[in-house]
Amino acid sequence: LCQGDVGSGKTMVAAACIWFAVENGWQTALMAPTEILARQHYQGLAPLLARFSIRCALLTGSIRAKERREILAGLADGSIDL
């Protein structure tokens, strides 16, 4: 759990923790209180983490069933890191 003022670098701290976890063979999850914030985090972090071969997916309540199944399968088989 990371708390701080707006603009204090919480997302970058999370990105560093994600990188460290994936480098050590773990999967990660980044949770957000709203779909809008989840999408913003995904759009900002996915390109950054892709530079380090970290595979990301966005899973929200509004994701269609087919895509949800694909994401869940990727999480289960380890092809998705975050």
PDB file of N, CA and C in Angstrom:
ATOM      1  N   LEU A   1       0.861  -1.163   0.000  1.00  0.00           N
ATOM      2  CA  LEU A   1       0.000   0.000   0.000  1.00  0.00           C
ATOM      3  C   LEU A   1       0.907   1.226   0.000  1.00  0.00           C
ATOM      4  N   CYS A   2       0.632   2.141  -0.918  1.00  0.00           N
ATOM      5  CA  CYS A   2       1.462   3.333  -1.057  1.00  0.00           C
ATOM      6  C   CYS A   2       0.561   4.563  -0.986  1.00  0.00           C
ATOM      7  N   GLN A   3       0.850   5.472  -0.073  1.00  0.00           N
ATOM      8  CA  GLN A   3       0.046   6.671   0.076  1.00  0.00           C
ATOM      9  C   GLN A   3       0.940   7.896  -0.053  1.00  0.00           C
ATOM     10  N   GLY A   4       0.421   8.936  -0.724  1.00  0.00           N
ATOM     11  CA  GLY A   4       1.169  10.173  -0.851  1.00  0.00           C
ATOM     12  C   GLY A   4       0.353  11.211  -1.592  1.00  0.00           C
ATOM     13  N   ASP A   5       0.840  12.423  -1.599  1.00  0.00           N
ATOM     14  CA  ASP A   5       0.157  13.506  -2.294  1.00  0.00           C
ATOM     15  C   ASP A   5       0.190  13.290  -3.796  1.00  0.00           C
ATOM     16  N   VAL A   6      -0.725  13.952  -4.491  1.00  0.00           N
ATOM     17  CA  VAL A   6      -0.755  13.914  -5.950  1.00  0.00           C
ATOM     18  C   VAL A   6       0.587  14.413  -6.477  1.00  0.00           C
ATOM     19  N   GLY A   7       1.160  13.665  -7.404  1.00  0.00           N
ATOM     20  CA  GLY A   7       2.420  14.073  -8.010  1.00  0.00           C
ATOM     21  C   GLY A   7       3.656  13.726  -7.202  1.00  0.00           C
ATOM     22  N   SER A   8       3.489  12.934  -6.138  1.00  0.00           N
ATOM     23  CA  SER A   8       4.648  12.627  -5.292  1.00  0.00           C
ATOM     24  C   SER A   8       5.452  11.418  -5.773  1.00  0.00           C
ATOM     25  N   GLY A   9       4.967  10.726  -6.818  1.00  0.00           N
ATOM     26  CA  GLY A   9       5.730   9.624  -7.389  1.00  0.00           C
ATOM     27  C   GLY A   9       5.262   8.236  -6.998  1.00  0.00           C
ATOM     28  N   LYS A  10       4.036   8.117  -6.494  1.00  0.00           N
ATOM     29  CA  LYS A  10       3.520   6.808  -6.080  1.00  0.00           C
ATOM     30  C   LYS A  10       3.518   5.805  -7.226  1.00  0.00           C
ATOM     31  N   THR A  11       3.133   6.244  -8.419  1.00  0.00           N
ATOM     32  CA  THR A  11       3.065   5.331  -9.562  1.00  0.00           C
ATOM     33  C   THR A  11       4.454   4.852  -9.954  1.00  0.00           C
ATOM     34  N   MET A  12       5.442   5.706  -9.867  1.00  0.00           N
ATOM     35  CA  MET A  12       6.811   5.290 -10.195  1.00  0.00           C
ATOM     36  C   MET A  12       7.371   4.342  -9.137  1.00  0.00           C
ATOM     37  N   VAL A  13       6.993   4.538  -7.886  1.00  0.00           N
ATOM     38  CA  VAL A  13       7.381   3.580  -6.844  1.00  0.00           C
ATOM     39  C   VAL A  13       6.757   2.227  -7.158  1.00  0.00           C
ATOM     40  N   ALA A  14       5.483   2.234  -7.548  1.00  0.00           N
ATOM     41  CA  ALA A  14       4.803   0.987  -7.925  1.00  0.00           C
ATOM     42  C   ALA A  14       5.495   0.338  -9.120  1.00  0.00           C
ATOM     43  N   ALA A  15       5.879   1.130 -10.117  1.00  0.00           N
ATOM     44  CA  ALA A  15       6.559   0.593 -11.303  1.00  0.00           C
ATOM     45  C   ALA A  15       7.874  -0.075 -10.915  1.00  0.00           C
ATOM     46  N   ALA A  16       8.617   0.535 -10.017  1.00  0.00           N
ATOM     47  CA  ALA A  16       9.880  -0.058  -9.565  1.00  0.00           C
ATOM     48  C   ALA A  16       9.628  -1.370  -8.830  1.00  0.00           C
ATOM     49  N   CYS A  17       8.599  -1.410  -8.003  1.00  0.00           N
ATOM     50  CA  CYS A  17       8.257  -2.642  -7.284  1.00  0.00           C
ATOM     51  C   CYS A  17       7.805  -3.731  -8.249  1.00  0.00           C
ATOM     52  N   ILE A  18       7.040  -3.350  -9.268  1.00  0.00           N
ATOM     53  CA  ILE A  18       6.594  -4.304 -10.290  1.00  0.00           C
ATOM     54  C   ILE A  18       7.804  -4.882 -11.008  1.00  0.00           C
ATOM     55  N   TRP A  19       8.714  -4.023 -11.435  1.00  0.00           N
ATOM     56  CA  TRP A  19       9.923  -4.487 -12.130  1.00  0.00           C
ATOM     57  C   TRP A  19      10.693  -5.477 -11.256  1.00  0.00           C
ATOM     58  N   PHE A  20      10.901  -5.110  -9.997  1.00  0.00           N
ATOM     59  CA  PHE A  20      11.666  -5.965  -9.086  1.00  0.00           C
ATOM     60  C   PHE A  20      10.989  -7.319  -8.910  1.00  0.00           C
ATOM     61  N   ALA A  21       9.677  -7.318  -8.731  1.00  0.00           N
ATOM     62  CA  ALA A  21       8.936  -8.573  -8.543  1.00  0.00           C
ATOM     63  C   ALA A  21       9.029  -9.458  -9.781  1.00  0.00           C
ATOM     64  N   VAL A  22       8.810  -8.875 -10.960  1.00  0.00           N
ATOM     65  CA  VAL A  22       8.846  -9.656 -12.203  1.00  0.00           C
ATOM     66  C   VAL A  22      10.253 -10.192 -12.452  1.00  0.00           C
ATOM     67  N   GLU A  23      11.265  -9.386 -12.177  1.00  0.00           N
ATOM     68  CA  GLU A  23      12.648  -9.837 -12.346  1.00  0.00           C
ATOM     69  C   GLU A  23      12.962 -11.045 -11.463  1.00  0.00           C
ATOM     70  N   ASN A  24      12.216 -11.181 -10.386  1.00  0.00           N
ATOM     71  CA  ASN A  24      12.432 -12.287  -9.462  1.00  0.00           C
ATOM     72  C   ASN A  24      11.406 -13.411  -9.631  1.00  0.00           C
ATOM     73  N   GLY A  25      10.715 -13.406 -10.781  1.00  0.00           N
ATOM     74  CA  GLY A  25       9.843 -14.515 -11.125  1.00  0.00           C
ATOM     75  C   GLY A  25       8.419 -14.451 -10.615  1.00  0.00           C
ATOM     76  N   TRP A  26       7.982 -13.309 -10.150  1.00  0.00           N
ATOM     77  CA  TRP A  26       6.634 -13.171  -9.608  1.00  0.00           C
ATOM     78  C   TRP A  26       5.714 -12.468 -10.597  1.00  0.00           C
ATOM     79  N   GLN A  27       4.422 -12.690 -10.436  1.00  0.00           N
ATOM     80  CA  GLN A  27       3.416 -11.884 -11.130  1.00  0.00           C
ATOM     81  C   GLN A  27       2.997 -10.777 -10.178  1.00  0.00           C
ATOM     82  N   THR A  28       2.438  -9.712 -10.730  1.00  0.00           N
ATOM     83  CA  THR A  28       2.027  -8.583  -9.906  1.00  0.00           C
ATOM     84  C   THR A  28       0.618  -8.144 -10.280  1.00  0.00           C
ATOM     85  N   ALA A  29       0.023  -7.353  -9.399  1.00  0.00           N
ATOM     86  CA  ALA A  29      -1.274  -6.737  -9.673  1.00  0.00           C
ATOM     87  C   ALA A  29      -1.219  -5.312  -9.150  1.00  0.00           C
ATOM     88  N   LEU A  30      -1.760  -4.404  -9.894  1.00  0.00           N
ATOM     89  CA  LEU A  30      -1.872  -3.011  -9.474  1.00  0.00           C
ATOM     90  C   LEU A  30      -3.356  -2.697  -9.462  1.00  0.00           C
ATOM     91  N   MET A  31      -3.885  -2.411  -8.300  1.00  0.00           N
ATOM     92  CA  MET A  31      -5.320  -2.157  -8.178  1.00  0.00           C
ATOM     93  C   MET A  31      -5.575  -0.662  -8.058  1.00  0.00           C
ATOM     94  N   ALA A  32      -6.689  -0.229  -8.644  1.00  0.00           N
ATOM     95  CA  ALA A  32      -7.083   1.176  -8.595  1.00  0.00           C
ATOM     96  C   ALA A  32      -8.554   1.244  -8.191  1.00  0.00           C
ATOM     97  N   PRO A  33      -8.964   2.329  -7.531  1.00  0.00           N
ATOM     98  CA  PRO A  33     -10.342   2.415  -7.045  1.00  0.00           C
ATOM     99  C   PRO A  33     -11.390   2.677  -8.128  1.00  0.00           C
ATOM    100  N   THR A  34     -10.964   3.118  -9.302  1.00  0.00           N
ATOM    101  CA  THR A  34     -11.919   3.382 -10.386  1.00  0.00           C
ATOM    102  C   THR A  34     -11.363   2.848 -11.697  1.00  0.00           C
ATOM    103  N   GLU A  35     -12.266   2.559 -12.632  1.00  0.00           N
ATOM    104  CA  GLU A  35     -11.822   2.106 -13.955  1.00  0.00           C
ATOM    105  C   GLU A  35     -11.041   3.192 -14.673  1.00  0.00           C
ATOM    106  N   ILE A  36     -11.436   4.433 -14.474  1.00  0.00           N
ATOM    107  CA  ILE A  36     -10.733   5.541 -15.129  1.00  0.00           C
ATOM    108  C   ILE A  36      -9.278   5.581 -14.668  1.00  0.00           C
ATOM    109  N   LEU A  37      -9.060   5.484 -13.367  1.00  0.00           N
ATOM    110  CA  LEU A  37      -7.690   5.506 -12.850  1.00  0.00           C
ATOM    111  C   LEU A  37      -6.933   4.248 -13.272  1.00  0.00           C
ATOM    112  N   ALA A  38      -7.607   3.104 -13.283  1.00  0.00           N
ATOM    113  CA  ALA A  38      -6.964   1.867 -13.737  1.00  0.00           C
ATOM    114  C   ALA A  38      -6.492   2.015 -15.179  1.00  0.00           C
ATOM    115  N   ARG A  39      -7.339   2.584 -16.029  1.00  0.00           N
ATOM    116  CA  ARG A  39      -6.985   2.785 -17.438  1.00  0.00           C
ATOM    117  C   ARG A  39      -5.810   3.764 -17.560  1.00  0.00           C
ATOM    118  N   GLN A  40      -5.820   4.834 -16.759  1.00  0.00           N
ATOM    119  CA  GLN A  40      -4.719   5.800 -16.789  1.00  0.00           C
ATOM    120  C   GLN A  40      -3.404   5.133 -16.384  1.00  0.00           C
ATOM    121  N   HIS A  41      -3.450   4.329 -15.334  1.00  0.00           N
ATOM    122  CA  HIS A  41      -2.239   3.613 -14.910  1.00  0.00           C
ATOM    123  C   HIS A  41      -1.764   2.669 -16.007  1.00  0.00           C
ATOM    124  N   TYR A  42      -2.693   1.937 -16.604  1.00  0.00           N
ATOM    125  CA  TYR A  42      -2.335   0.990 -17.665  1.00  0.00           C
ATOM    126  C   TYR A  42      -1.700   1.724 -18.844  1.00  0.00           C
ATOM    127  N   GLN A  43      -2.330   2.810 -19.279  1.00  0.00           N
ATOM    128  CA  GLN A  43      -1.816   3.552 -20.434  1.00  0.00           C
ATOM    129  C   GLN A  43      -0.456   4.174 -20.150  1.00  0.00           C
ATOM    130  N   GLY A  44      -0.204   4.529 -18.917  1.00  0.00           N
ATOM    131  CA  GLY A  44       1.084   5.117 -18.566  1.00  0.00           C
ATOM    132  C   GLY A  44       2.172   4.087 -18.301  1.00  0.00           C
ATOM    133  N   LEU A  45       1.802   2.992 -17.645  1.00  0.00           N
ATOM    134  CA  LEU A  45       2.809   2.014 -17.240  1.00  0.00           C
ATOM    135  C   LEU A  45       3.122   0.969 -18.300  1.00  0.00           C
ATOM    136  N   ALA A  46       2.137   0.546 -19.075  1.00  0.00           N
ATOM    137  CA  ALA A  46       2.366  -0.535 -20.048  1.00  0.00           C
ATOM    138  C   ALA A  46       3.513  -0.214 -21.012  1.00  0.00           C
ATOM    139  N   PRO A  47       3.547   0.983 -21.623  1.00  0.00           N
ATOM    140  CA  PRO A  47       4.665   1.276 -22.531  1.00  0.00           C
ATOM    141  C   PRO A  47       6.019   1.331 -21.802  1.00  0.00           C
ATOM    142  N   LEU A  48       6.024   1.869 -20.599  1.00  0.00           N
ATOM    143  CA  LEU A  48       7.262   1.945 -19.815  1.00  0.00           C
ATOM    144  C   LEU A  48       7.758   0.542 -19.467  1.00  0.00           C
ATOM    145  N   LEU A  49       6.867  -0.294 -18.962  1.00  0.00           N
ATOM    146  CA  LEU A  49       7.263  -1.634 -18.534  1.00  0.00           C
ATOM    147  C   LEU A  49       7.572  -2.546 -19.714  1.00  0.00           C
ATOM    148  N   ALA A  50       6.980  -2.277 -20.867  1.00  0.00           N
ATOM    149  CA  ALA A  50       7.269  -3.075 -22.069  1.00  0.00           C
ATOM    150  C   ALA A  50       8.745  -2.969 -22.452  1.00  0.00           C
ATOM    151  N   ARG A  51       9.378  -1.853 -22.124  1.00  0.00           N
ATOM    152  CA  ARG A  51      10.815  -1.689 -22.394  1.00  0.00           C
ATOM    153  C   ARG A  51      11.650  -2.726 -21.650  1.00  0.00           C
ATOM    154  N   PHE A  52      11.076  -3.256 -20.572  1.00  0.00           N
ATOM    155  CA  PHE A  52      11.756  -4.262 -19.755  1.00  0.00           C
ATOM    156  C   PHE A  52      11.145  -5.649 -19.960  1.00  0.00           C
ATOM    157  N   SER A  53      10.402  -5.802 -21.059  1.00  0.00           N
ATOM    158  CA  SER A  53       9.747  -7.075 -21.414  1.00  0.00           C
ATOM    159  C   SER A  53       8.743  -7.535 -20.365  1.00  0.00           C
ATOM    160  N   ILE A  54       8.117  -6.575 -19.696  1.00  0.00           N
ATOM    161  CA  ILE A  54       7.060  -6.894 -18.736  1.00  0.00           C
ATOM    162  C   ILE A  54       5.732  -6.788 -19.469  1.00  0.00           C
ATOM    163  N   ARG A  55       5.005  -7.898 -19.480  1.00  0.00           N
ATOM    164  CA  ARG A  55       3.749  -7.986 -20.236  1.00  0.00           C
ATOM    165  C   ARG A  55       2.586  -7.600 -19.333  1.00  0.00           C
ATOM    166  N   CYS A  56       1.812  -6.604 -19.782  1.00  0.00           N
ATOM    167  CA  CYS A  56       0.725  -6.044 -18.985  1.00  0.00           C
ATOM    168  C   CYS A  56      -0.625  -6.302 -19.638  1.00  0.00           C
ATOM    169  N   ALA A  57      -1.656  -6.360 -18.808  1.00  0.00           N
ATOM    170  CA  ALA A  57      -3.032  -6.438 -19.291  1.00  0.00           C
ATOM    171  C   ALA A  57      -3.900  -5.607 -18.361  1.00  0.00           C
ATOM    172  N   LEU A  58      -4.980  -5.086 -18.903  1.00  0.00           N
ATOM    173  CA  LEU A  58      -5.939  -4.307 -18.121  1.00  0.00           C
ATOM    174  C   LEU A  58      -7.183  -5.151 -17.924  1.00  0.00           C
ATOM    175  N   LEU A  59      -7.536  -5.404 -16.679  1.00  0.00           N
ATOM    176  CA  LEU A  59      -8.721  -6.196 -16.349  1.00  0.00           C
ATOM    177  C   LEU A  59      -9.640  -5.344 -15.488  1.00  0.00           C
ATOM    178  N   THR A  60     -10.794  -4.985 -16.036  1.00  0.00           N
ATOM    179  CA  THR A  60     -11.777  -4.185 -15.306  1.00  0.00           C
ATOM    180  C   THR A  60     -13.142  -4.856 -15.421  1.00  0.00           C
ATOM    181  N   GLY A  61     -14.099  -4.324 -14.702  1.00  0.00           N
ATOM    182  CA  GLY A  61     -15.445  -4.877 -14.736  1.00  0.00           C
ATOM    183  C   GLY A  61     -16.128  -4.743 -16.077  1.00  0.00           C
ATOM    184  N   SER A  62     -15.684  -3.816 -16.905  1.00  0.00           N
ATOM    185  CA  SER A  62     -16.352  -3.596 -18.191  1.00  0.00           C
ATOM    186  C   SER A  62     -15.697  -4.353 -19.350  1.00  0.00           C
ATOM    187  N   ILE A  63     -14.665  -5.138 -19.070  1.00  0.00           N
ATOM    188  CA  ILE A  63     -14.017  -5.931 -20.119  1.00  0.00           C
ATOM    189  C   ILE A  63     -14.990  -7.017 -20.576  1.00  0.00           C
ATOM    190  N   ARG A  64     -15.108  -7.187 -21.883  1.00  0.00           N
ATOM    191  CA  ARG A  64     -16.015  -8.199 -22.436  1.00  0.00           C
ATOM    192  C   ARG A  64     -15.556  -9.605 -22.054  1.00  0.00           C
ATOM    193  N   ALA A  65     -16.510 -10.529 -22.036  1.00  0.00           N
ATOM    194  CA  ALA A  65     -16.273 -11.890 -21.547  1.00  0.00           C
ATOM    195  C   ALA A  65     -15.128 -12.589 -22.277  1.00  0.00           C
ATOM    196  N   LYS A  66     -15.077 -12.477 -23.599  1.00  0.00           N
ATOM    197  CA  LYS A  66     -14.022 -13.160 -24.367  1.00  0.00           C
ATOM    198  C   LYS A  66     -12.641 -12.638 -23.974  1.00  0.00           C
ATOM    199  N   GLU A  67     -12.512 -11.311 -23.917  1.00  0.00           N
ATOM    200  CA  GLU A  67     -11.222 -10.721 -23.550  1.00  0.00           C
ATOM    201  C   GLU A  67     -10.876 -11.060 -22.098  1.00  0.00           C
ATOM    202  N   ARG A  68     -11.869 -11.056 -21.212  1.00  0.00           N
ATOM    203  CA  ARG A  68     -11.654 -11.411 -19.807  1.00  0.00           C
ATOM    204  C   ARG A  68     -11.086 -12.834 -19.704  1.00  0.00           C
ATOM    205  N   ARG A  69     -11.685 -13.771 -20.455  1.00  0.00           N
ATOM    206  CA  ARG A  69     -11.193 -15.155 -20.447  1.00  0.00           C
ATOM    207  C   ARG A  69      -9.749 -15.226 -20.936  1.00  0.00           C
ATOM    208  N   GLU A  70      -9.431 -14.462 -21.987  1.00  0.00           N
ATOM    209  CA  GLU A  70      -8.065 -14.454 -22.519  1.00  0.00           C
ATOM    210  C   GLU A  70      -7.076 -13.908 -21.488  1.00  0.00           C
ATOM    211  N   ILE A  71      -7.464 -12.832 -20.818  1.00  0.00           N
ATOM    212  CA  ILE A  71      -6.590 -12.241 -19.795  1.00  0.00           C
ATOM    213  C   ILE A  71      -6.406 -13.212 -18.638  1.00  0.00           C
ATOM    214  N   LEU A  72      -7.492 -13.805 -18.169  1.00  0.00           N
ATOM    215  CA  LEU A  72      -7.394 -14.752 -17.058  1.00  0.00           C
ATOM    216  C   LEU A  72      -6.542 -15.963 -17.432  1.00  0.00           C
ATOM    217  N   ALA A  73      -6.660 -16.418 -18.678  1.00  0.00           N
ATOM    218  CA  ALA A  73      -5.817 -17.527 -19.144  1.00  0.00           C
ATOM    219  C   ALA A  73      -4.349 -17.109 -19.153  1.00  0.00           C
ATOM    220  N   GLY A  74      -4.067 -15.886 -19.603  1.00  0.00           N
ATOM    221  CA  GLY A  74      -2.698 -15.377 -19.608  1.00  0.00           C
ATOM    222  C   GLY A  74      -2.124 -15.236 -18.211  1.00  0.00           C
ATOM    223  N   LEU A  75      -2.971 -14.853 -17.267  1.00  0.00           N
ATOM    224  CA  LEU A  75      -2.519 -14.785 -15.878  1.00  0.00           C
ATOM    225  C   LEU A  75      -2.230 -16.183 -15.341  1.00  0.00           C
ATOM    226  N   ALA A  76      -3.100 -17.124 -15.687  1.00  0.00           N
ATOM    227  CA  ALA A  76      -2.931 -18.502 -15.200  1.00  0.00           C
ATOM    228  C   ALA A  76      -1.688 -19.173 -15.779  1.00  0.00           C
ATOM    229  N   ASP A  77      -1.408 -18.917 -17.066  1.00  0.00           N
ATOM    230  CA  ASP A  77      -0.256 -19.592 -17.687  1.00  0.00           C
ATOM    231  C   ASP A  77       1.047 -18.791 -17.578  1.00  0.00           C
ATOM    232  N   GLY A  78       0.980 -17.615 -16.963  1.00  0.00           N
ATOM    233  CA  GLY A  78       2.189 -16.828 -16.734  1.00  0.00           C
ATOM    234  C   GLY A  78       2.628 -15.953 -17.888  1.00  0.00           C
ATOM    235  N   SER A  79       1.819 -15.869 -18.951  1.00  0.00           N
ATOM    236  CA  SER A  79       2.211 -15.034 -20.089  1.00  0.00           C
ATOM    237  C   SER A  79       1.915 -13.555 -19.851  1.00  0.00           C
ATOM    238  N   ILE A  80       1.232 -13.234 -18.772  1.00  0.00           N
ATOM    239  CA  ILE A  80       0.989 -11.843 -18.364  1.00  0.00           C
ATOM    240  C   ILE A  80       1.663 -11.642 -17.014  1.00  0.00           C
ATOM    241  N   ASP A  81       2.460 -10.583 -16.919  1.00  0.00           N
ATOM    242  CA  ASP A  81       3.194 -10.295 -15.679  1.00  0.00           C
ATOM    243  C   ASP A  81       2.431  -9.366 -14.744  1.00  0.00           C
ATOM    244  N   LEU A  82       1.683  -8.423 -15.331  1.00  0.00           N
ATOM    245  CA  LEU A  82       0.977  -7.405 -14.541  1.00  0.00           C
ATOM    246  C   LEU A  82      -0.422  -7.264 -15.067  1.00  0.00           C
TER     247      LEU A  82
END
